[in-house]
């Protein structure tokens, strides 16, 4: 198999490393949540890519079809998307509360205020 045929895995690696970089390099809490969402999206793409079977049909018994795609990875990703939206909403709600309490969403400002107490 050639490298060009694995373009979806290259996209996964690019998204994953971009999200990881954003989480590590940024001190802004909103940017960190966006980085985590990028990382999460790359994992979704990875599982969906692995769940696809070449020339696989929908898992409904029909005459002449011998290769079926497994729907389980797609169902699990749908569940993960719902959980991801909920955790993103919770994270953003916590950022709003932190902003109200500290007046900033930058990690350095928050640490500085905590140390001065």
PDB file of N, CA and C in Angstrom:
ATOM      1  N   UNK A   1       0.851  -1.175   0.000  1.00  0.00           N
ATOM      2  CA  UNK A   1       0.000   0.000   0.000  1.00  0.00           C
ATOM      3  C   UNK A   1       0.895   1.236   0.000  1.00  0.00           C
ATOM      4  N   UNK A   2       0.573   2.183  -0.871  1.00  0.00           N
ATOM      5  CA  UNK A   2       1.404   3.384  -0.966  1.00  0.00           C
ATOM      6  C   UNK A   2       0.998   4.426   0.072  1.00  0.00           C
ATOM      7  N   UNK A   3       1.889   5.378   0.272  1.00  0.00           N
ATOM      8  CA  UNK A   3       1.687   6.402   1.297  1.00  0.00           C
ATOM      9  C   UNK A   3       0.540   7.338   0.925  1.00  0.00           C
ATOM     10  N   UNK A   4       0.368   7.629  -0.361  1.00  0.00           N
ATOM     11  CA  UNK A   4      -0.690   8.548  -0.793  1.00  0.00           C
ATOM     12  C   UNK A   4      -2.074   7.961  -0.537  1.00  0.00           C
ATOM     13  N   UNK A   5      -2.187   6.652  -0.510  1.00  0.00           N
ATOM     14  CA  UNK A   5      -3.473   6.009  -0.262  1.00  0.00           C
ATOM     15  C   UNK A   5      -3.904   6.086   1.189  1.00  0.00           C
ATOM     16  N   UNK A   6      -3.023   6.533   2.052  1.00  0.00           N
ATOM     17  CA  UNK A   6      -3.327   6.628   3.479  1.00  0.00           C
ATOM     18  C   UNK A   6      -3.529   8.080   3.906  1.00  0.00           C
ATOM     19  N   UNK A   7      -4.081   8.902   3.003  1.00  0.00           N
ATOM     20  CA  UNK A   7      -4.212  10.335   3.279  1.00  0.00           C
ATOM     21  C   UNK A   7      -5.060  10.614   4.518  1.00  0.00           C
ATOM     22  N   UNK A   8      -6.072   9.779   4.784  1.00  0.00           N
ATOM     23  CA  UNK A   8      -6.904  10.028   5.963  1.00  0.00           C
ATOM     24  C   UNK A   8      -6.109   9.859   7.261  1.00  0.00           C
ATOM     25  N   UNK A   9      -5.147   8.969   7.281  1.00  0.00           N
ATOM     26  CA  UNK A   9      -4.315   8.812   8.468  1.00  0.00           C
ATOM     27  C   UNK A   9      -3.356   9.994   8.626  1.00  0.00           C
ATOM     28  N   UNK A  10      -2.900  10.569   7.512  1.00  0.00           N
ATOM     29  CA  UNK A  10      -2.068  11.770   7.581  1.00  0.00           C
ATOM     30  C   UNK A  10      -2.874  12.941   8.129  1.00  0.00           C
ATOM     31  N   UNK A  11      -4.141  13.013   7.748  1.00  0.00           N
ATOM     32  CA  UNK A  11      -5.016  14.059   8.288  1.00  0.00           C
ATOM     33  C   UNK A  11      -5.197  13.865   9.791  1.00  0.00           C
ATOM     34  N   UNK A  12      -5.351  12.619  10.218  1.00  0.00           N
ATOM     35  CA  UNK A  12      -5.483  12.316  11.646  1.00  0.00           C
ATOM     36  C   UNK A  12      -4.246  12.774  12.402  1.00  0.00           C
ATOM     37  N   UNK A  13      -3.077  12.444  11.886  1.00  0.00           N
ATOM     38  CA  UNK A  13      -1.827  12.835  12.547  1.00  0.00           C
ATOM     39  C   UNK A  13      -1.692  14.353  12.592  1.00  0.00           C
ATOM     40  N   UNK A  14      -2.003  15.027  11.494  1.00  0.00           N
ATOM     41  CA  UNK A  14      -1.915  16.480  11.453  1.00  0.00           C
ATOM     42  C   UNK A  14      -2.863  17.133  12.459  1.00  0.00           C
ATOM     43  N   UNK A  15      -4.115  16.686  12.495  1.00  0.00           N
ATOM     44  CA  UNK A  15      -5.079  17.244  13.446  1.00  0.00           C
ATOM     45  C   UNK A  15      -4.680  16.949  14.892  1.00  0.00           C
ATOM     46  N   UNK A  16      -4.212  15.731  15.126  1.00  0.00           N
ATOM     47  CA  UNK A  16      -3.843  15.334  16.480  1.00  0.00           C
ATOM     48  C   UNK A  16      -2.664  16.163  17.000  1.00  0.00           C
ATOM     49  N   UNK A  17      -1.644  16.324  16.182  1.00  0.00           N
ATOM     50  CA  UNK A  17      -0.478  17.091  16.612  1.00  0.00           C
ATOM     51  C   UNK A  17      -0.804  18.581  16.722  1.00  0.00           C
ATOM     52  N   UNK A  18      -1.681  19.087  15.866  1.00  0.00           N
ATOM     53  CA  UNK A  18      -2.094  20.489  15.964  1.00  0.00           C
ATOM     54  C   UNK A  18      -2.843  20.727  17.269  1.00  0.00           C
ATOM     55  N   UNK A  19      -3.786  19.845  17.584  1.00  0.00           N
ATOM     56  CA  UNK A  19      -4.524  19.969  18.841  1.00  0.00           C
ATOM     57  C   UNK A  19      -3.618  19.851  20.047  1.00  0.00           C
ATOM     58  N   UNK A  20      -2.681  18.908  19.997  1.00  0.00           N
ATOM     59  CA  UNK A  20      -1.735  18.729  21.095  1.00  0.00           C
ATOM     60  C   UNK A  20      -0.868  19.971  21.281  1.00  0.00           C
ATOM     61  N   UNK A  21      -0.409  20.549  20.172  1.00  0.00           N
ATOM     62  CA  UNK A  21       0.411  21.757  20.232  1.00  0.00           C
ATOM     63  C   UNK A  21      -0.370  22.919  20.841  1.00  0.00           C
ATOM     64  N   UNK A  22      -1.625  23.078  20.435  1.00  0.00           N
ATOM     65  CA  UNK A  22      -2.444  24.176  20.957  1.00  0.00           C
ATOM     66  C   UNK A  22      -2.635  24.020  22.468  1.00  0.00           C
ATOM     67  N   UNK A  23      -2.887  22.805  22.924  1.00  0.00           N
ATOM     68  CA  UNK A  23      -3.086  22.567  24.360  1.00  0.00           C
ATOM     69  C   UNK A  23      -1.816  22.895  25.147  1.00  0.00           C
ATOM     70  N   UNK A  24      -0.681  22.491  24.636  1.00  0.00           N
ATOM     71  CA  UNK A  24       0.573  22.681  25.368  1.00  0.00           C
ATOM     72  C   UNK A  24       1.074  24.125  25.289  1.00  0.00           C
ATOM     73  N   UNK A  25       0.958  24.756  24.132  1.00  0.00           N
ATOM     74  CA  UNK A  25       1.583  26.061  23.939  1.00  0.00           C
ATOM     75  C   UNK A  25       0.747  27.235  24.419  1.00  0.00           C
ATOM     76  N   UNK A  26      -0.551  27.071  24.514  1.00  0.00           N
ATOM     77  CA  UNK A  26      -1.407  28.204  24.837  1.00  0.00           C
ATOM     78  C   UNK A  26      -1.700  28.276  26.329  1.00  0.00           C
ATOM     79  N   UNK A  27      -1.714  29.496  26.844  1.00  0.00           N
ATOM     80  CA  UNK A  27      -2.091  29.704  28.231  1.00  0.00           C
ATOM     81  C   UNK A  27      -3.546  30.101  28.377  1.00  0.00           C
ATOM     82  N   UNK A  28      -4.207  30.349  27.259  1.00  0.00           N
ATOM     83  CA  UNK A  28      -5.606  30.739  27.261  1.00  0.00           C
ATOM     84  C   UNK A  28      -6.482  29.498  27.401  1.00  0.00           C
ATOM     85  N   UNK A  29      -7.387  29.504  28.367  1.00  0.00           N
ATOM     86  CA  UNK A  29      -8.196  28.315  28.641  1.00  0.00           C
ATOM     87  C   UNK A  29      -9.156  27.981  27.500  1.00  0.00           C
ATOM     88  N   UNK A  30      -9.676  28.988  26.814  1.00  0.00           N
ATOM     89  CA  UNK A  30     -10.575  28.735  25.681  1.00  0.00           C
ATOM     90  C   UNK A  30      -9.801  28.074  24.542  1.00  0.00           C
ATOM     91  N   UNK A  31      -8.592  28.540  24.296  1.00  0.00           N
ATOM     92  CA  UNK A  31      -7.759  27.927  23.257  1.00  0.00           C
ATOM     93  C   UNK A  31      -7.419  26.487  23.607  1.00  0.00           C
ATOM     94  N   UNK A  32      -7.219  26.207  24.886  1.00  0.00           N
ATOM     95  CA  UNK A  32      -6.952  24.832  25.309  1.00  0.00           C
ATOM     96  C   UNK A  32      -8.149  23.931  25.015  1.00  0.00           C
ATOM     97  N   UNK A  33      -9.348  24.429  25.239  1.00  0.00           N
ATOM     98  CA  UNK A  33     -10.554  23.639  24.947  1.00  0.00           C
ATOM     99  C   UNK A  33     -10.665  23.396  23.444  1.00  0.00           C
ATOM    100  N   UNK A  34     -10.345  24.410  22.648  1.00  0.00           N
ATOM    101  CA  UNK A  34     -10.368  24.233  21.192  1.00  0.00           C
ATOM    102  C   UNK A  34      -9.329  23.198  20.771  1.00  0.00           C
ATOM    103  N   UNK A  35      -8.138  23.229  21.369  1.00  0.00           N
ATOM    104  CA  UNK A  35      -7.107  22.232  21.075  1.00  0.00           C
ATOM    105  C   UNK A  35      -7.557  20.818  21.443  1.00  0.00           C
ATOM    106  N   UNK A  36      -8.216  20.696  22.582  1.00  0.00           N
ATOM    107  CA  UNK A  36      -8.741  19.376  22.974  1.00  0.00           C
ATOM    108  C   UNK A  36      -9.807  18.894  21.997  1.00  0.00           C
ATOM    109  N   UNK A  37     -10.625  19.815  21.483  1.00  0.00           N
ATOM    110  CA  UNK A  37     -11.636  19.434  20.494  1.00  0.00           C
ATOM    111  C   UNK A  37     -11.003  19.007  19.175  1.00  0.00           C
ATOM    112  N   UNK A  38      -9.913  19.667  18.774  1.00  0.00           N
ATOM    113  CA  UNK A  38      -9.188  19.233  17.579  1.00  0.00           C
ATOM    114  C   UNK A  38      -8.627  17.827  17.764  1.00  0.00           C
ATOM    115  N   UNK A  39      -8.032  17.598  18.915  1.00  0.00           N
ATOM    116  CA  UNK A  39      -7.490  16.274  19.231  1.00  0.00           C
ATOM    117  C   UNK A  39      -8.599  15.224  19.199  1.00  0.00           C
ATOM    118  N   UNK A  40      -9.727  15.557  19.782  1.00  0.00           N
ATOM    119  CA  UNK A  40     -10.870  14.646  19.822  1.00  0.00           C
ATOM    120  C   UNK A  40     -11.389  14.351  18.412  1.00  0.00           C
ATOM    121  N   UNK A  41     -11.457  15.372  17.567  1.00  0.00           N
ATOM    122  CA  UNK A  41     -11.922  15.177  16.197  1.00  0.00           C
ATOM    123  C   UNK A  41     -10.986  14.243  15.430  1.00  0.00           C
ATOM    124  N   UNK A  42      -9.695  14.343  15.704  1.00  0.00           N
ATOM    125  CA  UNK A  42      -8.753  13.448  15.028  1.00  0.00           C
ATOM    126  C   UNK A  42      -8.972  12.002  15.442  1.00  0.00           C
ATOM    127  N   UNK A  43      -9.297  11.781  16.689  1.00  0.00           N
ATOM    128  CA  UNK A  43      -9.580  10.412  17.147  1.00  0.00           C
ATOM    129  C   UNK A  43     -10.859   9.893  16.493  1.00  0.00           C
ATOM    130  N   UNK A  44     -11.858  10.756  16.353  1.00  0.00           N
ATOM    131  CA  UNK A  44     -13.089  10.360  15.666  1.00  0.00           C
ATOM    132  C   UNK A  44     -12.798   9.932  14.233  1.00  0.00           C
ATOM    133  N   UNK A  45     -12.000  10.733  13.527  1.00  0.00           N
ATOM    134  CA  UNK A  45     -11.663  10.408  12.140  1.00  0.00           C
ATOM    135  C   UNK A  45     -10.886   9.096  12.074  1.00  0.00           C
ATOM    136  N   UNK A  46      -9.997   8.878  13.034  1.00  0.00           N
ATOM    137  CA  UNK A  46      -9.225   7.633  13.060  1.00  0.00           C
ATOM    138  C   UNK A  46     -10.137   6.421  13.193  1.00  0.00           C
ATOM    139  N   UNK A  47     -11.067   6.455  14.146  1.00  0.00           N
ATOM    140  CA  UNK A  47     -11.954   5.308  14.347  1.00  0.00           C
ATOM    141  C   UNK A  47     -12.889   5.100  13.168  1.00  0.00           C
ATOM    142  N   UNK A  48     -13.382   6.181  12.586  1.00  0.00           N
ATOM    143  CA  UNK A  48     -14.263   6.037  11.427  1.00  0.00           C
ATOM    144  C   UNK A  48     -13.483   5.464  10.244  1.00  0.00           C
ATOM    145  N   UNK A  49     -12.226   5.885  10.071  1.00  0.00           N
ATOM    146  CA  UNK A  49     -11.399   5.359   8.986  1.00  0.00           C
ATOM    147  C   UNK A  49     -11.133   3.875   9.155  1.00  0.00           C
ATOM    148  N   UNK A  50     -10.890   3.454  10.381  1.00  0.00           N
ATOM    149  CA  UNK A  50     -10.618   2.034  10.617  1.00  0.00           C
ATOM    150  C   UNK A  50     -11.874   1.182  10.475  1.00  0.00           C
ATOM    151  N   UNK A  51     -13.043   1.794  10.673  1.00  0.00           N
ATOM    152  CA  UNK A  51     -14.290   1.038  10.593  1.00  0.00           C
ATOM    153  C   UNK A  51     -14.771   0.796   9.178  1.00  0.00           C
ATOM    154  N   UNK A  52     -14.194   1.493   8.203  1.00  0.00           N
ATOM    155  CA  UNK A  52     -14.621   1.340   6.816  1.00  0.00           C
ATOM    156  C   UNK A  52     -13.938   0.135   6.189  1.00  0.00           C
ATOM    157  N   UNK A  53     -14.731  -0.721   5.551  1.00  0.00           N
ATOM    158  CA  UNK A  53     -14.210  -1.893   4.858  1.00  0.00           C
ATOM    159  C   UNK A  53     -14.329  -1.642   3.360  1.00  0.00           C
ATOM    160  N   UNK A  54     -13.236  -1.846   2.621  1.00  0.00           N
ATOM    161  CA  UNK A  54     -13.251  -1.623   1.179  1.00  0.00           C
ATOM    162  C   UNK A  54     -14.263  -2.561   0.525  1.00  0.00           C
ATOM    163  N   UNK A  55     -15.137  -2.015  -0.259  1.00  0.00           N
ATOM    164  CA  UNK A  55     -16.213  -2.749  -0.954  1.00  0.00           C
ATOM    165  C   UNK A  55     -17.167  -3.420   0.020  1.00  0.00           C
ATOM    166  N   UNK A  56     -17.233  -2.920   1.252  1.00  0.00           N
ATOM    167  CA  UNK A  56     -18.148  -3.479   2.242  1.00  0.00           C
ATOM    168  C   UNK A  56     -19.538  -2.890   2.076  1.00  0.00           C
ATOM    169  N   UNK A  57     -20.525  -3.717   2.285  1.00  0.00           N
ATOM    170  CA  UNK A  57     -21.919  -3.293   2.140  1.00  0.00           C
ATOM    171  C   UNK A  57     -22.515  -3.030   3.519  1.00  0.00           C
ATOM    172  N   UNK A  58     -23.677  -2.425   3.505  1.00  0.00           N
ATOM    173  CA  UNK A  58     -24.422  -2.200   4.733  1.00  0.00           C
ATOM    174  C   UNK A  58     -24.767  -3.565   5.327  1.00  0.00           C
ATOM    175  N   UNK A  59     -24.695  -3.722   6.659  1.00  0.00           N
ATOM    176  CA  UNK A  59     -24.915  -5.053   7.250  1.00  0.00           C
ATOM    177  C   UNK A  59     -26.384  -5.489   7.235  1.00  0.00           C
ATOM    178  N   UNK A  60     -26.933  -5.590   6.043  1.00  0.00           N
ATOM    179  CA  UNK A  60     -28.286  -6.114   5.834  1.00  0.00           C
ATOM    180  C   UNK A  60     -28.132  -7.309   4.913  1.00  0.00           C
ATOM    181  N   UNK A  61     -28.668  -8.449   5.311  1.00  0.00           N
ATOM    182  CA  UNK A  61     -28.509  -9.669   4.525  1.00  0.00           C
ATOM    183  C   UNK A  61     -29.196  -9.512   3.172  1.00  0.00           C
ATOM    184  N   UNK A  62     -28.383  -9.634   2.128  1.00  0.00           N
ATOM    185  CA  UNK A  62     -28.886  -9.575   0.759  1.00  0.00           C
ATOM    186  C   UNK A  62     -28.203 -10.646  -0.058  1.00  0.00           C
ATOM    187  N   UNK A  63     -28.822 -11.007  -1.130  1.00  0.00           N
ATOM    188  CA  UNK A  63     -28.267 -12.028  -2.002  1.00  0.00           C
ATOM    189  C   UNK A  63     -27.067 -11.472  -2.761  1.00  0.00           C
ATOM    190  N   UNK A  64     -25.990 -12.229  -2.785  1.00  0.00           N
ATOM    191  CA  UNK A  64     -24.804 -11.848  -3.533  1.00  0.00           C
ATOM    192  C   UNK A  64     -23.814 -10.974  -2.773  1.00  0.00           C
ATOM    193  N   UNK A  65     -24.141 -10.549  -1.568  1.00  0.00           N
ATOM    194  CA  UNK A  65     -23.229  -9.707  -0.787  1.00  0.00           C
ATOM    195  C   UNK A  65     -22.510 -10.583   0.227  1.00  0.00           C
ATOM    196  N   UNK A  66     -21.183 -10.520   0.200  1.00  0.00           N
ATOM    197  CA  UNK A  66     -20.407 -11.361   1.124  1.00  0.00           C
ATOM    198  C   UNK A  66     -19.564 -10.538   2.096  1.00  0.00           C
ATOM    199  N   UNK A  67     -19.300  -9.283   1.775  1.00  0.00           N
ATOM    200  CA  UNK A  67     -18.468  -8.440   2.626  1.00  0.00           C
ATOM    201  C   UNK A  67     -19.326  -7.334   3.225  1.00  0.00           C
ATOM    202  N   UNK A  68     -19.306  -7.258   4.544  1.00  0.00           N
ATOM    203  CA  UNK A  68     -20.104  -6.258   5.246  1.00  0.00           C
ATOM    204  C   UNK A  68     -19.200  -5.337   6.073  1.00  0.00           C
ATOM    205  N   UNK A  69     -19.610  -4.079   6.187  1.00  0.00           N
ATOM    206  CA  UNK A  69     -18.912  -3.141   7.064  1.00  0.00           C
ATOM    207  C   UNK A  69     -19.503  -3.243   8.464  1.00  0.00           C
ATOM    208  N   UNK A  70     -18.651  -3.138   9.459  1.00  0.00           N
ATOM    209  CA  UNK A  70     -19.104  -3.205  10.840  1.00  0.00           C
ATOM    210  C   UNK A  70     -19.620  -1.824  11.266  1.00  0.00           C
ATOM    211  N   UNK A  71     -20.881  -1.716  11.705  1.00  0.00           N
ATOM    212  CA  UNK A  71     -21.412  -0.408  12.095  1.00  0.00           C
ATOM    213  C   UNK A  71     -21.011   0.021  13.508  1.00  0.00           C
ATOM    214  N   UNK A  72     -20.418  -0.867  14.289  1.00  0.00           N
ATOM    215  CA  UNK A  72     -20.103  -0.559  15.678  1.00  0.00           C
ATOM    216  C   UNK A  72     -19.188   0.660  15.858  1.00  0.00           C
ATOM    217  N   UNK A  73     -18.088   0.802  15.093  1.00  0.00           N
ATOM    218  CA  UNK A  73     -17.249   1.994  15.281  1.00  0.00           C
ATOM    219  C   UNK A  73     -18.013   3.299  15.041  1.00  0.00           C
ATOM    220  N   UNK A  74     -18.901   3.312  14.069  1.00  0.00           N
ATOM    221  CA  UNK A  74     -19.656   4.517  13.778  1.00  0.00           C
ATOM    222  C   UNK A  74     -20.637   4.830  14.902  1.00  0.00           C
ATOM    223  N   UNK A  75     -21.244   3.815  15.458  1.00  0.00           N
ATOM    224  CA  UNK A  75     -22.169   4.020  16.574  1.00  0.00           C
ATOM    225  C   UNK A  75     -21.416   4.529  17.807  1.00  0.00           C
ATOM    226  N   UNK A  76     -20.247   3.974  18.060  1.00  0.00           N
ATOM    227  CA  UNK A  76     -19.449   4.423  19.191  1.00  0.00           C
ATOM    228  C   UNK A  76     -19.001   5.877  19.019  1.00  0.00           C
ATOM    229  N   UNK A  77     -18.693   6.261  17.794  1.00  0.00           N
ATOM    230  CA  UNK A  77     -18.284   7.640  17.545  1.00  0.00           C
ATOM    231  C   UNK A  77     -19.462   8.586  17.726  1.00  0.00           C
ATOM    232  N   UNK A  78     -20.656   8.182  17.336  1.00  0.00           N
ATOM    233  CA  UNK A  78     -21.831   9.020  17.594  1.00  0.00           C
ATOM    234  C   UNK A  78     -22.002   9.263  19.089  1.00  0.00           C
ATOM    235  N   UNK A  79     -21.813   8.230  19.880  1.00  0.00           N
ATOM    236  CA  UNK A  79     -21.887   8.378  21.332  1.00  0.00           C
ATOM    237  C   UNK A  79     -20.772   9.291  21.836  1.00  0.00           C
ATOM    238  N   UNK A  80     -19.575   9.128  21.302  1.00  0.00           N
ATOM    239  CA  UNK A  80     -18.439   9.956  21.716  1.00  0.00           C
ATOM    240  C   UNK A  80     -18.645  11.421  21.338  1.00  0.00           C
ATOM    241  N   UNK A  81     -19.303  11.676  20.217  1.00  0.00           N
ATOM    242  CA  UNK A  81     -19.588  13.055  19.822  1.00  0.00           C
ATOM    243  C   UNK A  81     -20.519  13.707  20.834  1.00  0.00           C
ATOM    244  N   UNK A  82     -21.541  12.981  21.255  1.00  0.00           N
ATOM    245  CA  UNK A  82     -22.470  13.518  22.251  1.00  0.00           C
ATOM    246  C   UNK A  82     -21.738  13.803  23.564  1.00  0.00           C
ATOM    247  N   UNK A  83     -20.907  12.884  24.000  1.00  0.00           N
ATOM    248  CA  UNK A  83     -20.141  13.087  25.230  1.00  0.00           C
ATOM    249  C   UNK A  83     -19.171  14.256  25.060  1.00  0.00           C
ATOM    250  N   UNK A  84     -18.557  14.364  23.878  1.00  0.00           N
ATOM    251  CA  UNK A  84     -17.632  15.461  23.614  1.00  0.00           C
ATOM    252  C   UNK A  84     -18.305  16.819  23.650  1.00  0.00           C
ATOM    253  N   UNK A  85     -19.511  16.907  23.111  1.00  0.00           N
ATOM    254  CA  UNK A  85     -20.245  18.179  23.160  1.00  0.00           C
ATOM    255  C   UNK A  85     -20.580  18.535  24.606  1.00  0.00           C
ATOM    256  N   UNK A  86     -20.973  17.544  25.387  1.00  0.00           N
ATOM    257  CA  UNK A  86     -21.312  17.795  26.794  1.00  0.00           C
ATOM    258  C   UNK A  86     -20.087  18.239  27.587  1.00  0.00           C
ATOM    259  N   UNK A  87     -18.953  17.585  27.383  1.00  0.00           N
ATOM    260  CA  UNK A  87     -17.756  17.971  28.128  1.00  0.00           C
ATOM    261  C   UNK A  87     -17.223  19.330  27.667  1.00  0.00           C
ATOM    262  N   UNK A  88     -17.380  19.649  26.389  1.00  0.00           N
ATOM    263  CA  UNK A  88     -16.992  20.972  25.910  1.00  0.00           C
ATOM    264  C   UNK A  88     -17.859  22.053  26.550  1.00  0.00           C
ATOM    265  N   UNK A  89     -19.158  21.793  26.635  1.00  0.00           N
ATOM    266  CA  UNK A  89     -20.056  22.753  27.279  1.00  0.00           C
ATOM    267  C   UNK A  89     -19.687  22.938  28.748  1.00  0.00           C
ATOM    268  N   UNK A  90     -19.364  21.844  29.424  1.00  0.00           N
ATOM    269  CA  UNK A  90     -18.955  21.936  30.823  1.00  0.00           C
ATOM    270  C   UNK A  90     -17.649  22.716  30.956  1.00  0.00           C
ATOM    271  N   UNK A  91     -16.694  22.437  30.090  1.00  0.00           N
ATOM    272  CA  UNK A  91     -15.421  23.157  30.125  1.00  0.00           C
ATOM    273  C   UNK A  91     -15.600  24.642  29.887  1.00  0.00           C
ATOM    274  N   UNK A  92     -16.434  24.999  28.924  1.00  0.00           N
ATOM    275  CA  UNK A  92     -16.675  26.414  28.658  1.00  0.00           C
ATOM    276  C   UNK A  92     -17.413  27.079  29.813  1.00  0.00           C
ATOM    277  N   UNK A  93     -18.327  26.351  30.451  1.00  0.00           N
ATOM    278  CA  UNK A  93     -19.017  26.906  31.621  1.00  0.00           C
ATOM    279  C   UNK A  93     -18.021  27.148  32.759  1.00  0.00           C
ATOM    280  N   UNK A  94     -17.066  26.242  32.931  1.00  0.00           N
ATOM    281  CA  UNK A  94     -16.036  26.446  33.947  1.00  0.00           C
ATOM    282  C   UNK A  94     -15.144  27.637  33.607  1.00  0.00           C
ATOM    283  N   UNK A  95     -14.846  27.819  32.332  1.00  0.00           N
ATOM    284  CA  UNK A  95     -14.039  28.973  31.920  1.00  0.00           C
ATOM    285  C   UNK A  95     -14.786  30.269  32.200  1.00  0.00           C
ATOM    286  N   UNK A  96     -16.094  30.286  31.947  1.00  0.00           N
ATOM    287  CA  UNK A  96     -16.886  31.483  32.253  1.00  0.00           C
ATOM    288  C   UNK A  96     -16.835  31.770  33.748  1.00  0.00           C
ATOM    289  N   UNK A  97     -16.975  30.747  34.567  1.00  0.00           N
ATOM    290  CA  UNK A  97     -16.932  30.920  36.027  1.00  0.00           C
ATOM    291  C   UNK A  97     -15.551  31.380  36.494  1.00  0.00           C
ATOM    292  N   UNK A  98     -14.498  30.828  35.907  1.00  0.00           N
ATOM    293  CA  UNK A  98     -13.134  31.255  36.234  1.00  0.00           C
ATOM    294  C   UNK A  98     -12.939  32.713  35.840  1.00  0.00           C
ATOM    295  N   UNK A  99     -13.459  33.096  34.685  1.00  0.00           N
ATOM    296  CA  UNK A  99     -13.363  34.502  34.237  1.00  0.00           C
ATOM    297  C   UNK A  99     -14.072  35.436  35.212  1.00  0.00           C
ATOM    298  N   UNK A 100     -15.219  35.005  35.725  1.00  0.00           N
ATOM    299  CA  UNK A 100     -15.934  35.826  36.704  1.00  0.00           C
ATOM    300  C   UNK A 100     -15.153  35.951  38.010  1.00  0.00           C
ATOM    301  N   UNK A 101     -14.517  34.862  38.412  1.00  0.00           N
ATOM    302  CA  UNK A 101     -13.810  34.862  39.696  1.00  0.00           C
ATOM    303  C   UNK A 101     -12.457  35.573  39.625  1.00  0.00           C
ATOM    304  N   UNK A 102     -11.720  35.389  38.522  1.00  0.00           N
ATOM    305  CA  UNK A 102     -10.356  35.915  38.430  1.00  0.00           C
ATOM    306  C   UNK A 102     -10.214  37.100  37.473  1.00  0.00           C
ATOM    307  N   UNK A 103     -11.202  37.326  36.626  1.00  0.00           N
ATOM    308  CA  UNK A 103     -11.113  38.423  35.673  1.00  0.00           C
ATOM    309  C   UNK A 103     -10.246  38.129  34.468  1.00  0.00           C
ATOM    310  N   UNK A 104      -9.839  36.892  34.298  1.00  0.00           N
ATOM    311  CA  UNK A 104      -8.972  36.518  33.186  1.00  0.00           C
ATOM    312  C   UNK A 104      -9.146  35.037  32.879  1.00  0.00           C
ATOM    313  N   UNK A 105      -8.805  34.660  31.639  1.00  0.00           N
ATOM    314  CA  UNK A 105      -8.795  33.248  31.271  1.00  0.00           C
ATOM    315  C   UNK A 105      -7.382  32.784  30.927  1.00  0.00           C
ATOM    316  N   UNK A 106      -6.395  33.616  31.245  1.00  0.00           N
ATOM    317  CA  UNK A 106      -4.998  33.263  31.018  1.00  0.00           C
ATOM    318  C   UNK A 106      -4.442  32.556  32.255  1.00  0.00           C
ATOM    319  N   UNK A 107      -3.768  31.433  32.042  1.00  0.00           N
ATOM    320  CA  UNK A 107      -3.233  30.642  33.158  1.00  0.00           C
ATOM    321  C   UNK A 107      -2.266  31.440  34.026  1.00  0.00           C
ATOM    322  N   UNK A 108      -1.400  32.210  33.395  1.00  0.00           N
ATOM    323  CA  UNK A 108      -0.394  32.976  34.150  1.00  0.00           C
ATOM    324  C   UNK A 108      -1.055  33.977  35.098  1.00  0.00           C
ATOM    325  N   UNK A 109      -2.079  34.678  34.614  1.00  0.00           N
ATOM    326  CA  UNK A 109      -2.786  35.636  35.464  1.00  0.00           C
ATOM    327  C   UNK A 109      -3.469  34.943  36.641  1.00  0.00           C
ATOM    328  N   UNK A 110      -4.050  33.804  36.379  1.00  0.00           N
ATOM    329  CA  UNK A 110      -4.757  33.053  37.433  1.00  0.00           C
ATOM    330  C   UNK A 110      -3.765  32.565  38.485  1.00  0.00           C
ATOM    331  N   UNK A 111      -2.622  32.016  38.048  1.00  0.00           N
ATOM    332  CA  UNK A 111      -1.590  31.550  38.987  1.00  0.00           C
ATOM    333  C   UNK A 111      -1.033  32.713  39.812  1.00  0.00           C
ATOM    334  N   UNK A 112      -0.810  33.844  39.148  1.00  0.00           N
ATOM    335  CA  UNK A 112      -0.285  35.023  39.850  1.00  0.00           C
ATOM    336  C   UNK A 112      -1.243  35.474  40.936  1.00  0.00           C
ATOM    337  N   UNK A 113      -2.542  35.482  40.636  1.00  0.00           N
ATOM    338  CA  UNK A 113      -3.530  35.897  41.632  1.00  0.00           C
ATOM    339  C   UNK A 113      -3.614  34.897  42.772  1.00  0.00           C
ATOM    340  N   UNK A 114      -3.491  33.606  42.468  1.00  0.00           N
ATOM    341  CA  UNK A 114      -3.532  32.592  43.533  1.00  0.00           C
ATOM    342  C   UNK A 114      -2.312  32.698  44.446  1.00  0.00           C
ATOM    343  N   UNK A 115      -1.133  32.980  43.882  1.00  0.00           N
ATOM    344  CA  UNK A 115       0.074  33.083  44.684  1.00  0.00           C
ATOM    345  C   UNK A 115       0.073  34.316  45.574  1.00  0.00           C
ATOM    346  N   UNK A 116      -0.607  35.358  45.150  1.00  0.00           N
ATOM    347  CA  UNK A 116      -0.626  36.594  45.938  1.00  0.00           C
ATOM    348  C   UNK A 116      -1.593  36.516  47.123  1.00  0.00           C
ATOM    349  N   UNK A 117      -2.435  35.491  47.161  1.00  0.00           N
ATOM    350  CA  UNK A 117      -3.380  35.363  48.277  1.00  0.00           C
ATOM    351  C   UNK A 117      -2.725  34.854  49.502  1.00  0.00           C
TER     352      UNK A 117
END
